[in-house]
PDB file of N, CA and C in Angstrom:
ATOM      1  N   MET A   1       0.938  -1.186   0.430  1.00  0.00           N
ATOM      2  CA  MET A   1       0.061  -0.200   0.202  1.00  0.00           C
ATOM      3  C   MET A   1       0.821   1.276  -0.334  1.00  0.00           C
ATOM      4  N   SER A   2       2.335   1.220   0.320  1.00  0.00           N
ATOM      5  CA  SER A   2       3.017   2.373   0.620  1.00  0.00           C
ATOM      6  C   SER A   2       3.435   3.015  -0.674  1.00  0.00           C
ATOM      7  N   SER A   3       3.402   2.049  -1.687  1.00  0.00           N
ATOM      8  CA  SER A   3       3.425   2.665  -2.709  1.00  0.00           C
ATOM      9  C   SER A   3       2.693   2.998  -3.665  1.00  0.00           C
ATOM     10  N   PHE A   4       1.680   2.764  -3.678  1.00  0.00           N
ATOM     11  CA  PHE A   4       0.062   3.346  -3.978  1.00  0.00           C
ATOM     12  C   PHE A   4      -0.188   4.902  -3.529  1.00  0.00           C
ATOM     13  N   GLN A   5       0.336   4.973  -1.497  1.00  0.00           N
ATOM     14  CA  GLN A   5       0.464   6.642  -1.726  1.00  0.00           C
ATOM     15  C   GLN A   5       1.299   7.188  -1.786  1.00  0.00           C
ATOM     16  N   ASP A   6       2.357   6.667  -2.427  1.00  0.00           N
ATOM     17  CA  ASP A   6       3.498   7.296  -2.748  1.00  0.00           C
ATOM     18  C   ASP A   6       3.445   7.922  -4.650  1.00  0.00           C
ATOM     19  N   ALA A   7       2.646   6.971  -5.019  1.00  0.00           N
ATOM     20  CA  ALA A   7       1.656   7.248  -6.496  1.00  0.00           C
ATOM     21  C   ALA A   7       0.978   8.816  -6.669  1.00  0.00           C
ATOM     22  N   GLU A   8       0.124   8.875  -4.830  1.00  0.00           N
ATOM     23  CA  GLU A   8      -1.228  10.282  -5.198  1.00  0.00           C
ATOM     24  C   GLU A   8      -0.292  11.034  -4.607  1.00  0.00           C
ATOM     25  N   LYS A   9       0.851  11.274  -4.603  1.00  0.00           N
ATOM     26  CA  LYS A   9       1.568  12.427  -4.117  1.00  0.00           C
ATOM     27  C   LYS A   9       3.085  12.378  -4.388  1.00  0.00           C
ATOM     28  N   PRO A  10       2.951  13.528  -5.535  1.00  0.00           N
ATOM     29  CA  PRO A  10       3.941  14.019  -6.604  1.00  0.00           C
ATOM     30  C   PRO A  10       4.894  14.841  -5.712  1.00  0.00           C
ATOM     31  N   ALA A  11       6.443  14.545  -5.484  1.00  0.00           N
ATOM     32  CA  ALA A  11       7.156  14.864  -4.875  1.00  0.00           C
ATOM     33  C   ALA A  11       7.158  16.335  -5.317  1.00  0.00           C
ATOM     34  N   LYS A  12       7.446  17.387  -4.519  1.00  0.00           N
ATOM     35  CA  LYS A  12       7.762  18.846  -4.945  1.00  0.00           C
ATOM     36  C   LYS A  12       9.283  19.231  -5.062  1.00  0.00           C
ATOM     37  N   PRO A  13       9.248  19.753  -6.466  1.00  0.00           N
ATOM     38  CA  PRO A  13      10.624  20.208  -6.958  1.00  0.00           C
ATOM     39  C   PRO A  13      10.818  20.722  -5.922  1.00  0.00           C
ATOM     40  N   SER A  14      12.965  20.456  -6.081  1.00  0.00           N
ATOM     41  CA  SER A  14      13.471  21.522  -4.737  1.00  0.00           C
ATOM     42  C   SER A  14      13.195  22.846  -5.149  1.00  0.00           C
ATOM     43  N   LEU A  15      13.729  23.972  -3.889  1.00  0.00           N
ATOM     44  CA  LEU A  15      13.598  25.132  -4.159  1.00  0.00           C
ATOM     45  C   LEU A  15      14.119  25.528  -5.359  1.00  0.00           C
ATOM     46  N   VAL A  16      15.322  25.533  -5.684  1.00  0.00           N
ATOM     47  CA  VAL A  16      16.516  25.984  -6.541  1.00  0.00           C
ATOM     48  C   VAL A  16      15.417  25.591  -7.985  1.00  0.00           C
ATOM     49  N   LYS A  17      14.839  24.532  -8.285  1.00  0.00           N
ATOM     50  CA  LYS A  17      14.073  24.245  -9.714  1.00  0.00           C
ATOM     51  C   LYS A  17      13.132  25.393  -9.559  1.00  0.00           C
ATOM     52  N   ARG A  18      12.274  25.072  -8.124  1.00  0.00           N
ATOM     53  CA  ARG A  18      11.211  26.247  -8.339  1.00  0.00           C
ATOM     54  C   ARG A  18      11.163  27.878  -8.714  1.00  0.00           C
ATOM     55  N   ALA A  19      12.612  28.463  -8.169  1.00  0.00           N
ATOM     56  CA  ALA A  19      13.048  29.862  -8.463  1.00  0.00           C
ATOM     57  C   ALA A  19      13.415  29.869  -9.703  1.00  0.00           C
ATOM     58  N   LEU A  20      14.074  29.098 -10.136  1.00  0.00           N
ATOM     59  CA  LEU A  20      14.529  28.832 -11.691  1.00  0.00           C
ATOM     60  C   LEU A  20      13.290  28.955 -12.872  1.00  0.00           C
ATOM     61  N   ALA A  21      11.641  28.200 -12.354  1.00  0.00           N
ATOM     62  CA  ALA A  21      10.843  28.762 -12.927  1.00  0.00           C
ATOM     63  C   ALA A  21      10.036  29.909 -12.986  1.00  0.00           C
ATOM     64  N   LEU A  22      10.461  30.332 -11.272  1.00  0.00           N
ATOM     65  CA  LEU A  22       9.765  31.757 -11.799  1.00  0.00           C
ATOM     66  C   LEU A  22      10.194  32.984 -12.117  1.00  0.00           C
ATOM     67  N   LEU A  23      11.841  32.476 -12.499  1.00  0.00           N
ATOM     68  CA  LEU A  23      13.240  33.609 -12.998  1.00  0.00           C
ATOM     69  C   LEU A  23      12.251  33.074 -14.069  1.00  0.00           C
ATOM     70  N   VAL A  24      12.380  32.021 -15.117  1.00  0.00           N
ATOM     71  CA  VAL A  24      12.074  31.863 -16.472  1.00  0.00           C
ATOM     72  C   VAL A  24      10.596  32.864 -16.647  1.00  0.00           C
ATOM     73  N   LEU A  25       9.919  32.480 -15.781  1.00  0.00           N
ATOM     74  CA  LEU A  25       8.225  32.937 -16.100  1.00  0.00           C
ATOM     75  C   LEU A  25       8.298  34.607 -16.146  1.00  0.00           C
ATOM     76  N   LEU A  26       9.351  35.295 -14.810  1.00  0.00           N
ATOM     77  CA  LEU A  26       9.494  36.726 -14.898  1.00  0.00           C
ATOM     78  C   LEU A  26      10.316  37.047 -16.400  1.00  0.00           C
ATOM     79  N   VAL A  27      11.059  36.505 -17.068  1.00  0.00           N
ATOM     80  CA  VAL A  27      11.635  36.902 -17.775  1.00  0.00           C
ATOM     81  C   VAL A  27      10.654  36.799 -19.348  1.00  0.00           C
ATOM     82  N   VAL A  28       9.782  35.612 -18.947  1.00  0.00           N
ATOM     83  CA  VAL A  28       8.914  35.649 -20.684  1.00  0.00           C
ATOM     84  C   VAL A  28       8.140  36.833 -20.289  1.00  0.00           C
ATOM     85  N   VAL A  29       7.712  37.109 -19.166  1.00  0.00           N
ATOM     86  CA  VAL A  29       6.592  38.183 -18.858  1.00  0.00           C
ATOM     87  C   VAL A  29       7.247  39.332 -18.891  1.00  0.00           C
ATOM     88  N   VAL A  30       8.075  39.596 -18.654  1.00  0.00           N
ATOM     89  CA  VAL A  30       8.012  41.147 -19.251  1.00  0.00           C
ATOM     90  C   VAL A  30       9.116  41.131 -20.789  1.00  0.00           C
ATOM     91  N   LEU A  31       9.448  40.004 -21.228  1.00  0.00           N
ATOM     92  CA  LEU A  31       9.533  40.184 -22.630  1.00  0.00           C
ATOM     93  C   LEU A  31       8.439  40.258 -23.508  1.00  0.00           C
ATOM     94  N   LEU A  32       7.006  39.938 -23.088  1.00  0.00           N
ATOM     95  CA  LEU A  32       6.013  40.086 -24.123  1.00  0.00           C
ATOM     96  C   LEU A  32       5.403  41.379 -23.253  1.00  0.00           C
ATOM     97  N   ALA A  33       5.816  41.664 -22.382  1.00  0.00           N
ATOM     98  CA  ALA A  33       4.696  43.175 -22.242  1.00  0.00           C
ATOM     99  C   ALA A  33       6.022  44.207 -23.204  1.00  0.00           C
ATOM    100  N   LYS A  34       7.200  44.143 -23.063  1.00  0.00           N
ATOM    101  CA  LYS A  34       8.064  45.111 -23.974  1.00  0.00           C
ATOM    102  C   LYS A  34       7.465  44.786 -25.349  1.00  0.00           C
ATOM    103  N   MET A  35       7.291  43.234 -25.719  1.00  0.00           N
ATOM    104  CA  MET A  35       6.515  43.255 -26.764  1.00  0.00           C
ATOM    105  C   MET A  35       5.228  44.045 -27.777  1.00  0.00           C
ATOM    106  N   VAL A  36       4.292  43.948 -26.632  1.00  0.00           N
ATOM    107  CA  VAL A  36       3.379  44.192 -26.544  1.00  0.00           C
ATOM    108  C   VAL A  36       3.139  46.118 -26.293  1.00  0.00           C
ATOM    109  N   PHE A  37       4.540  46.628 -25.920  1.00  0.00           N
ATOM    110  CA  PHE A  37       4.532  47.589 -25.234  1.00  0.00           C
ATOM    111  C   PHE A  37       4.556  48.416 -27.143  1.00  0.00           C
ATOM    112  N   GLY A  38       5.669  47.611 -27.644  1.00  0.00           N
ATOM    113  CA  GLY A  38       5.979  48.353 -28.997  1.00  0.00           C
ATOM    114  C   GLY A  38       5.321  48.313 -29.933  1.00  0.00           C
ATOM    115  N   PHE A  39       4.303  47.501 -30.259  1.00  0.00           N
ATOM    116  CA  PHE A  39       3.340  47.005 -31.150  1.00  0.00           C
ATOM    117  C   PHE A  39       2.593  48.286 -31.198  1.00  0.00           C
ATOM    118  N   PHE A  40       2.207  48.659 -29.785  1.00  0.00           N
ATOM    119  CA  PHE A  40       1.201  49.685 -29.144  1.00  0.00           C
ATOM    120  C   PHE A  40       2.166  50.855 -29.731  1.00  0.00           C
ATOM    121  N   MET A  41       3.028  50.987 -30.020  1.00  0.00           N
ATOM    122  CA  MET A  41       3.980  52.233 -30.024  1.00  0.00           C
ATOM    123  C   MET A  41       4.138  52.641 -31.286  1.00  0.00           C
ATOM    124  N   ALA A  42       4.317  51.776 -32.101  1.00  0.00           N
ATOM    125  CA  ALA A  42       4.230  51.604 -33.416  1.00  0.00           C
ATOM    126  C   ALA A  42       2.543  51.948 -34.272  1.00  0.00           C
ATOM    127  N   ILE A  43       1.762  51.311 -33.556  1.00  0.00           N
ATOM    128  CA  ILE A  43       1.103  51.638 -33.932  1.00  0.00           C
ATOM    129  C   ILE A  43       0.743  53.485 -33.846  1.00  0.00           C
ATOM    130  N   LEU A  44       1.090  53.944 -32.867  1.00  0.00           N
ATOM    131  CA  LEU A  44       1.051  55.177 -32.444  1.00  0.00           C
ATOM    132  C   LEU A  44       1.397  55.632 -33.457  1.00  0.00           C
ATOM    133  N   TRP A  45       2.735  55.529 -33.649  1.00  0.00           N
ATOM    134  CA  TRP A  45       3.737  57.009 -34.443  1.00  0.00           C
ATOM    135  C   TRP A  45       3.130  56.837 -35.987  1.00  0.00           C
ATOM    136  N   ILE A  46       2.898  55.270 -36.331  1.00  0.00           N
ATOM    137  CA  ILE A  46       2.109  55.498 -37.453  1.00  0.00           C
ATOM    138  C   ILE A  46       0.932  56.443 -37.394  1.00  0.00           C
ATOM    139  N   VAL A  47      -0.002  56.582 -36.383  1.00  0.00           N
ATOM    140  CA  VAL A  47      -1.215  57.308 -36.526  1.00  0.00           C
ATOM    141  C   VAL A  47      -0.967  58.737 -36.385  1.00  0.00           C
ATOM    142  N   VAL A  48       0.612  59.269 -35.713  1.00  0.00           N
ATOM    143  CA  VAL A  48       0.798  60.490 -35.677  1.00  0.00           C
ATOM    144  C   VAL A  48       1.495  60.921 -36.755  1.00  0.00           C
ATOM    145  N   ALA A  49       1.906  59.965 -37.649  1.00  0.00           N
ATOM    146  CA  ALA A  49       2.593  60.082 -39.413  1.00  0.00           C
ATOM    147  C   ALA A  49       1.692  60.542 -40.090  1.00  0.00           C
ATOM    148  N   VAL A  50       0.367  59.680 -40.159  1.00  0.00           N
ATOM    149  CA  VAL A  50      -0.366  59.929 -41.035  1.00  0.00           C
ATOM    150  C   VAL A  50      -0.805  61.075 -40.296  1.00  0.00           C
ATOM    151  N   ALA A  51      -1.791  61.660 -39.445  1.00  0.00           N
ATOM    152  CA  ALA A  51      -2.243  62.578 -38.801  1.00  0.00           C
ATOM    153  C   ALA A  51      -1.295  64.188 -39.044  1.00  0.00           C
ATOM    154  N   ALA A  52       0.317  64.003 -38.620  1.00  0.00           N
ATOM    155  CA  ALA A  52       1.005  64.822 -39.481  1.00  0.00           C
ATOM    156  C   ALA A  52       1.086  65.484 -41.329  1.00  0.00           C
ATOM    157  N   LEU A  53       1.194  64.360 -41.863  1.00  0.00           N
ATOM    158  CA  LEU A  53       1.097  64.393 -43.444  1.00  0.00           C
ATOM    159  C   LEU A  53      -0.514  64.791 -43.634  1.00  0.00           C
ATOM    160  N   ILE A  54      -1.294  64.383 -42.974  1.00  0.00           N
ATOM    161  CA  ILE A  54      -3.168  65.344 -43.221  1.00  0.00           C
ATOM    162  C   ILE A  54      -2.724  67.131 -42.962  1.00  0.00           C
ATOM    163  N   ALA A  55      -2.271  67.109 -41.918  1.00  0.00           N
ATOM    164  CA  ALA A  55      -2.277  68.594 -41.497  1.00  0.00           C
ATOM    165  C   ALA A  55      -1.135  69.455 -42.568  1.00  0.00           C
ATOM    166  N   VAL A  56      -0.521  68.290 -42.857  1.00  0.00           N
ATOM    167  CA  VAL A  56       0.633  69.424 -43.933  1.00  0.00           C
ATOM    168  C   VAL A  56      -0.333  69.363 -45.242  1.00  0.00           C
ATOM    169  N   LEU A  57      -0.769  68.657 -45.644  1.00  0.00           N
ATOM    170  CA  LEU A  57      -1.357  68.600 -46.826  1.00  0.00           C
ATOM    171  C   LEU A  57      -2.738  69.717 -46.860  1.00  0.00           C
ATOM    172  N   TRP A  58      -3.634  69.551 -45.222  1.00  0.00           N
ATOM    173  CA  TRP A  58      -4.528  71.217 -45.449  1.00  0.00           C
ATOM    174  C   TRP A  58      -3.655  72.136 -45.024  1.00  0.00           C
ATOM    175  N   ALA A  59      -2.861  72.165 -44.580  1.00  0.00           N
ATOM    176  CA  ALA A  59      -2.261  73.854 -44.428  1.00  0.00           C
ATOM    177  C   ALA A  59      -1.862  73.891 -45.763  1.00  0.00           C
ATOM    178  N   LEU A  60      -0.975  73.240 -47.044  1.00  0.00           N
ATOM    179  CA  LEU A  60      -0.606  74.044 -48.339  1.00  0.00           C
ATOM    180  C   LEU A  60      -1.762  73.873 -49.156  1.00  0.00           C
ATOM    181  N   LYS A  61      -3.254  73.112 -48.945  1.00  0.00           N
ATOM    182  CA  LYS A  61      -4.015  73.661 -49.343  1.00  0.00           C
ATOM    183  C   LYS A  61      -4.634  74.865 -49.003  1.00  0.00           C
ATOM    184  N   THR A  62      -4.507  75.302 -47.785  1.00  0.00           N
ATOM    185  CA  THR A  62      -5.212  76.527 -47.297  1.00  0.00           C
ATOM    186  C   THR A  62      -4.519  77.590 -47.774  1.00  0.00           C
ATOM    187  N   LEU A  63      -3.091  77.421 -47.602  1.00  0.00           N
ATOM    188  CA  LEU A  63      -2.221  78.513 -47.964  1.00  0.00           C
ATOM    189  C   LEU A  63      -1.785  78.956 -49.459  1.00  0.00           C
ATOM    190  N   LEU A  64      -2.037  77.484 -50.418  1.00  0.00           N
ATOM    191  CA  LEU A  64      -2.249  77.601 -51.809  1.00  0.00           C
ATOM    192  C   LEU A  64      -3.151  78.608 -52.295  1.00  0.00           C
TER     193      LEU A  64
END
């Protein structure tokens, strides 16, 4: 019966493995956050560039 009881309770990973897993998760979260932030910043700069182009065209049309 003792082997059956041992099979029900999986052994906990060591503290070093748990710390390493936490470090890996933190690195992945930081990299993913930077990628998402960079994606939104790229979209923002495209919107700013289009708005600037429209403003220049409007100004030229008004002046000329």
